[in-house]
């Protein structure tokens, strides 16, 4: 039992020695990376699709609100509401993939 404790202490000692010796090598790769770096970009390219960003922000707000409205509306229909919701989602997925396949 004492042998296991001694082996563990030796393994921890060697692991910390390797970690301490590796500290001096760490800055060498950083200097090489800085020397090989290209010049920074001076102009920021213009995004031609900035309307998509506005549409995505509107969709991020509108879709959850519409989804909650549909769920509250279908909640009054009990089990038929669940059937309509699942069937409607499957139909919309089918319609989307049918349009994509055209």
N, C-alpha and C. Protein backbone atom coordinates (compact mmCIF):
# COMPACT_ATOMS: atom_id res chain seq x y z
N UNK A 1 0.82 -1.19 0.00
CA UNK A 1 0.00 0.00 0.00
C UNK A 1 0.86 1.26 0.00
N UNK A 2 1.97 1.23 0.74
CA UNK A 2 2.85 2.38 0.79
C UNK A 2 3.56 2.58 -0.55
N UNK A 3 3.75 1.47 -1.27
CA UNK A 3 4.40 1.54 -2.58
C UNK A 3 3.52 2.31 -3.58
N UNK A 4 2.21 2.12 -3.51
CA UNK A 4 1.31 2.85 -4.40
C UNK A 4 1.36 4.35 -4.14
N UNK A 5 1.42 4.73 -2.89
CA UNK A 5 1.50 6.15 -2.55
C UNK A 5 2.80 6.77 -3.04
N UNK A 6 3.90 6.03 -2.93
CA UNK A 6 5.19 6.54 -3.38
C UNK A 6 5.20 6.67 -4.90
N UNK A 7 4.61 5.70 -5.61
CA UNK A 7 4.55 5.77 -7.07
C UNK A 7 3.70 6.96 -7.52
N UNK A 8 2.63 7.21 -6.80
CA UNK A 8 1.77 8.34 -7.14
C UNK A 8 2.50 9.66 -6.94
N UNK A 9 3.23 9.76 -5.83
CA UNK A 9 3.99 10.98 -5.57
C UNK A 9 5.08 11.20 -6.62
N UNK A 10 5.75 10.12 -7.05
CA UNK A 10 6.79 10.24 -8.07
C UNK A 10 6.17 10.66 -9.42
N UNK A 11 5.01 10.10 -9.75
CA UNK A 11 4.36 10.46 -11.01
C UNK A 11 3.94 11.93 -10.99
N UNK A 12 3.42 12.40 -9.86
CA UNK A 12 3.05 13.81 -9.75
C UNK A 12 4.27 14.72 -9.83
N UNK A 13 5.38 14.30 -9.23
CA UNK A 13 6.60 15.09 -9.28
C UNK A 13 7.11 15.22 -10.71
N UNK A 14 7.16 14.11 -11.44
CA UNK A 14 7.64 14.15 -12.82
C UNK A 14 6.69 14.93 -13.73
N UNK A 15 5.39 14.83 -13.50
CA UNK A 15 4.43 15.59 -14.30
C UNK A 15 4.61 17.09 -14.05
N UNK A 16 4.83 17.50 -12.79
CA UNK A 16 5.03 18.93 -12.54
C UNK A 16 6.38 19.40 -13.06
N UNK A 17 7.39 18.53 -13.07
CA UNK A 17 8.68 18.92 -13.63
C UNK A 17 8.57 19.13 -15.14
N UNK A 18 7.84 18.26 -15.82
CA UNK A 18 7.65 18.43 -17.27
C UNK A 18 6.87 19.71 -17.55
N UNK A 19 5.86 19.99 -16.75
CA UNK A 19 5.08 21.21 -16.96
C UNK A 19 5.93 22.45 -16.71
N UNK A 20 6.80 22.40 -15.71
CA UNK A 20 7.65 23.56 -15.41
C UNK A 20 8.70 23.76 -16.50
N UNK A 21 9.25 22.68 -17.03
CA UNK A 21 10.26 22.81 -18.08
C UNK A 21 9.64 23.25 -19.41
N UNK A 22 8.38 22.94 -19.62
CA UNK A 22 7.72 23.32 -20.87
C UNK A 22 7.38 24.81 -20.90
N UNK A 23 7.46 25.49 -19.79
CA UNK A 23 7.13 26.91 -19.75
C UNK A 23 8.11 27.74 -20.59
N UNK A 24 9.36 27.33 -20.66
CA UNK A 24 10.35 28.11 -21.41
C UNK A 24 10.17 27.96 -22.92
N UNK A 25 9.48 26.94 -23.38
CA UNK A 25 9.30 26.69 -24.81
C UNK A 25 8.07 27.44 -25.32
N UNK A 26 7.20 27.85 -24.45
CA UNK A 26 5.91 28.41 -24.85
C UNK A 26 6.03 29.68 -25.67
N UNK A 27 6.95 30.58 -25.37
CA UNK A 27 7.06 31.84 -26.07
C UNK A 27 7.68 31.73 -27.45
N UNK A 28 8.37 30.64 -27.74
CA UNK A 28 9.05 30.48 -29.03
C UNK A 28 8.03 30.37 -30.16
N UNK A 29 6.97 29.63 -29.97
CA UNK A 29 5.97 29.48 -31.03
C UNK A 29 5.21 30.78 -31.24
N UNK A 30 5.00 31.56 -30.21
CA UNK A 30 4.31 32.84 -30.37
C UNK A 30 5.13 33.81 -31.22
N UNK A 31 6.43 33.84 -31.02
CA UNK A 31 7.28 34.74 -31.80
C UNK A 31 7.29 34.32 -33.27
N UNK A 32 7.30 33.03 -33.53
CA UNK A 32 7.29 32.54 -34.91
C UNK A 32 5.96 32.86 -35.58
N UNK A 33 4.87 32.76 -34.84
CA UNK A 33 3.55 33.07 -35.40
C UNK A 33 3.43 34.56 -35.69
N UNK A 34 3.99 35.40 -34.85
CA UNK A 34 3.94 36.84 -35.07
C UNK A 34 4.79 37.22 -36.28
N UNK A 35 5.93 36.58 -36.43
CA UNK A 35 6.81 36.89 -37.56
C UNK A 35 6.19 36.47 -38.89
N UNK A 36 5.40 35.41 -38.88
CA UNK A 36 4.79 34.90 -40.11
C UNK A 36 3.43 35.54 -40.40
N UNK A 37 2.96 36.42 -39.54
CA UNK A 37 1.62 37.01 -39.73
C UNK A 37 1.63 37.96 -40.91
N UNK A 38 0.48 38.00 -41.61
CA UNK A 38 0.34 38.92 -42.74
C UNK A 38 -0.10 40.29 -42.24
N UNK A 39 -0.13 41.24 -43.15
CA UNK A 39 -0.58 42.57 -42.78
C UNK A 39 -2.07 42.53 -42.45
N UNK A 40 -2.50 43.30 -41.48
CA UNK A 40 -3.92 43.29 -41.13
C UNK A 40 -4.78 43.91 -42.23
N UNK A 41 -6.03 43.60 -42.21
CA UNK A 41 -6.96 44.10 -43.21
C UNK A 41 -7.23 45.59 -42.96
N UNK A 42 -7.17 46.40 -44.01
CA UNK A 42 -7.38 47.84 -43.86
C UNK A 42 -8.81 48.25 -44.19
N UNK A 43 -9.51 47.47 -45.00
CA UNK A 43 -10.88 47.80 -45.37
C UNK A 43 -11.81 46.66 -44.94
N UNK A 44 -12.95 47.03 -44.44
CA UNK A 44 -13.96 46.03 -44.07
C UNK A 44 -14.88 45.86 -45.27
N UNK A 45 -15.05 44.62 -45.77
CA UNK A 45 -15.90 44.44 -46.95
C UNK A 45 -17.37 44.69 -46.61
N UNK A 46 -18.09 45.25 -47.56
CA UNK A 46 -19.51 45.57 -47.36
C UNK A 46 -20.34 44.31 -47.59
N UNK A 47 -21.27 44.05 -46.70
CA UNK A 47 -22.16 42.91 -46.85
C UNK A 47 -23.34 43.31 -47.72
N UNK A 48 -23.54 42.58 -48.83
CA UNK A 48 -24.61 42.90 -49.75
C UNK A 48 -25.96 42.38 -49.27
N UNK A 49 -25.95 41.54 -48.26
CA UNK A 49 -27.19 40.91 -47.79
C UNK A 49 -27.59 41.43 -46.41
N UNK A 50 -27.54 42.72 -46.19
CA UNK A 50 -27.88 43.26 -44.88
C UNK A 50 -29.38 43.18 -44.62
N UNK A 51 -30.19 43.04 -45.68
CA UNK A 51 -31.64 42.86 -45.48
C UNK A 51 -31.94 41.54 -44.80
N UNK A 52 -31.11 40.53 -45.04
CA UNK A 52 -31.31 39.24 -44.38
C UNK A 52 -31.10 39.34 -42.88
N UNK A 53 -30.21 40.20 -42.44
CA UNK A 53 -29.98 40.37 -41.01
C UNK A 53 -31.22 40.96 -40.34
N UNK A 54 -31.83 41.94 -40.98
CA UNK A 54 -33.04 42.55 -40.43
C UNK A 54 -34.18 41.55 -40.42
N UNK A 55 -34.30 40.77 -41.52
CA UNK A 55 -35.36 39.75 -41.58
C UNK A 55 -35.16 38.68 -40.52
N UNK A 56 -33.93 38.31 -40.24
CA UNK A 56 -33.69 37.29 -39.22
C UNK A 56 -34.01 37.80 -37.81
N UNK A 57 -33.76 39.08 -37.56
CA UNK A 57 -34.11 39.65 -36.25
C UNK A 57 -35.62 39.70 -36.09
N UNK A 58 -36.33 40.09 -37.15
CA UNK A 58 -37.79 40.11 -37.10
C UNK A 58 -38.34 38.70 -36.91
N UNK A 59 -37.76 37.72 -37.63
CA UNK A 59 -38.21 36.34 -37.49
C UNK A 59 -37.92 35.78 -36.10
N UNK A 60 -36.81 36.19 -35.49
CA UNK A 60 -36.47 35.71 -34.16
C UNK A 60 -37.49 36.17 -33.12
N UNK A 61 -38.16 37.28 -33.38
CA UNK A 61 -39.20 37.76 -32.47
C UNK A 61 -40.57 37.24 -32.88
N UNK A 62 -40.85 37.22 -34.18
CA UNK A 62 -42.19 36.88 -34.66
C UNK A 62 -42.51 35.40 -34.55
N UNK A 63 -41.56 34.52 -34.83
CA UNK A 63 -41.85 33.08 -34.83
C UNK A 63 -42.26 32.57 -33.44
N UNK A 64 -41.56 32.90 -32.36
CA UNK A 64 -42.03 32.42 -31.05
C UNK A 64 -43.39 33.00 -30.66
N UNK A 65 -43.64 34.27 -31.01
CA UNK A 65 -44.94 34.87 -30.69
C UNK A 65 -46.05 34.16 -31.45
N UNK A 66 -45.84 33.91 -32.74
CA UNK A 66 -46.83 33.19 -33.53
C UNK A 66 -47.02 31.75 -33.03
N UNK A 67 -45.92 31.10 -32.65
CA UNK A 67 -46.01 29.73 -32.16
C UNK A 67 -46.81 29.67 -30.86
N UNK A 68 -46.58 30.61 -29.96
CA UNK A 68 -47.37 30.64 -28.72
C UNK A 68 -48.83 30.91 -29.01
N UNK A 69 -49.12 31.80 -29.95
CA UNK A 69 -50.50 32.07 -30.32
C UNK A 69 -51.19 30.85 -30.88
N UNK A 70 -50.51 30.12 -31.74
CA UNK A 70 -51.09 28.90 -32.32
C UNK A 70 -51.30 27.85 -31.23
N UNK A 71 -50.35 27.71 -30.33
CA UNK A 71 -50.51 26.71 -29.25
C UNK A 71 -51.66 27.06 -28.32
N UNK A 72 -51.81 28.34 -27.97
CA UNK A 72 -52.93 28.72 -27.12
C UNK A 72 -54.27 28.53 -27.84
N UNK A 73 -54.29 28.81 -29.16
CA UNK A 73 -55.51 28.64 -29.93
C UNK A 73 -55.88 27.16 -30.04
N UNK A 74 -54.88 26.29 -30.22
CA UNK A 74 -55.15 24.86 -30.35
C UNK A 74 -55.37 24.17 -29.01
N UNK A 75 -55.01 24.82 -27.91
CA UNK A 75 -55.19 24.22 -26.60
C UNK A 75 -56.67 24.06 -26.28
N UNK A 76 -57.50 24.93 -26.81
CA UNK A 76 -58.94 24.85 -26.55
C UNK A 76 -59.58 23.65 -27.23
N UNK A 77 -58.93 23.07 -28.23
CA UNK A 77 -59.50 21.98 -29.00
C UNK A 77 -59.09 20.61 -28.45
N UNK A 78 -58.46 20.54 -27.30
CA UNK A 78 -58.05 19.31 -26.62
C UNK A 78 -57.21 18.44 -27.55
N UNK A 79 -57.60 17.16 -27.72
CA UNK A 79 -56.79 16.24 -28.51
C UNK A 79 -56.78 16.59 -29.99
N UNK A 80 -57.85 17.17 -30.48
CA UNK A 80 -57.86 17.59 -31.88
C UNK A 80 -56.83 18.69 -32.13
N UNK A 81 -56.61 19.51 -31.14
CA UNK A 81 -55.60 20.56 -31.27
C UNK A 81 -54.20 19.98 -31.43
N UNK A 82 -53.91 18.91 -30.65
CA UNK A 82 -52.60 18.25 -30.78
C UNK A 82 -52.47 17.61 -32.16
N UNK A 83 -53.55 17.01 -32.63
CA UNK A 83 -53.53 16.38 -33.95
C UNK A 83 -53.32 17.44 -35.03
N UNK A 84 -54.02 18.56 -34.92
CA UNK A 84 -53.85 19.64 -35.89
C UNK A 84 -52.42 20.19 -35.87
N UNK A 85 -51.86 20.32 -34.66
CA UNK A 85 -50.51 20.88 -34.54
C UNK A 85 -49.49 19.95 -35.18
N UNK A 86 -49.53 18.67 -34.83
CA UNK A 86 -48.56 17.72 -35.38
C UNK A 86 -48.77 17.55 -36.87
N UNK A 87 -50.04 17.39 -37.28
CA UNK A 87 -50.32 17.25 -38.71
C UNK A 87 -49.94 18.48 -39.50
N UNK A 88 -50.17 19.66 -38.92
CA UNK A 88 -49.80 20.90 -39.59
C UNK A 88 -48.30 21.05 -39.75
N UNK A 89 -47.54 20.68 -38.71
CA UNK A 89 -46.08 20.76 -38.80
C UNK A 89 -45.54 19.79 -39.84
N UNK A 90 -46.12 18.57 -39.88
CA UNK A 90 -45.68 17.59 -40.88
C UNK A 90 -46.03 18.10 -42.28
N UNK A 91 -47.22 18.68 -42.44
CA UNK A 91 -47.61 19.23 -43.74
C UNK A 91 -46.69 20.36 -44.17
N UNK A 92 -46.34 21.25 -43.25
CA UNK A 92 -45.44 22.35 -43.60
C UNK A 92 -44.05 21.84 -43.98
N UNK A 93 -43.56 20.82 -43.27
CA UNK A 93 -42.26 20.24 -43.63
C UNK A 93 -42.34 19.60 -45.01
N UNK A 94 -43.44 18.87 -45.29
CA UNK A 94 -43.62 18.24 -46.59
C UNK A 94 -43.68 19.31 -47.69
N UNK A 95 -44.40 20.37 -47.44
CA UNK A 95 -44.53 21.46 -48.42
C UNK A 95 -43.17 22.12 -48.68
N UNK A 96 -42.40 22.35 -47.63
CA UNK A 96 -41.08 22.95 -47.78
C UNK A 96 -40.19 22.08 -48.63
N UNK A 97 -40.14 20.78 -48.34
CA UNK A 97 -39.28 19.88 -49.10
C UNK A 97 -39.79 19.69 -50.54
N UNK A 98 -41.10 19.77 -50.75
CA UNK A 98 -41.63 19.69 -52.11
C UNK A 98 -41.22 20.91 -52.93
N UNK A 99 -41.22 22.08 -52.30
CA UNK A 99 -40.81 23.30 -53.01
C UNK A 99 -39.31 23.26 -53.30
N UNK A 100 -38.53 22.77 -52.34
CA UNK A 100 -37.08 22.68 -52.54
C UNK A 100 -36.76 21.69 -53.66
N UNK A 101 -37.51 20.60 -53.75
CA UNK A 101 -37.24 19.57 -54.75
C UNK A 101 -37.59 20.02 -56.17
N UNK A 102 -38.39 21.07 -56.32
CA UNK A 102 -38.78 21.51 -57.67
C UNK A 102 -37.65 22.13 -58.42
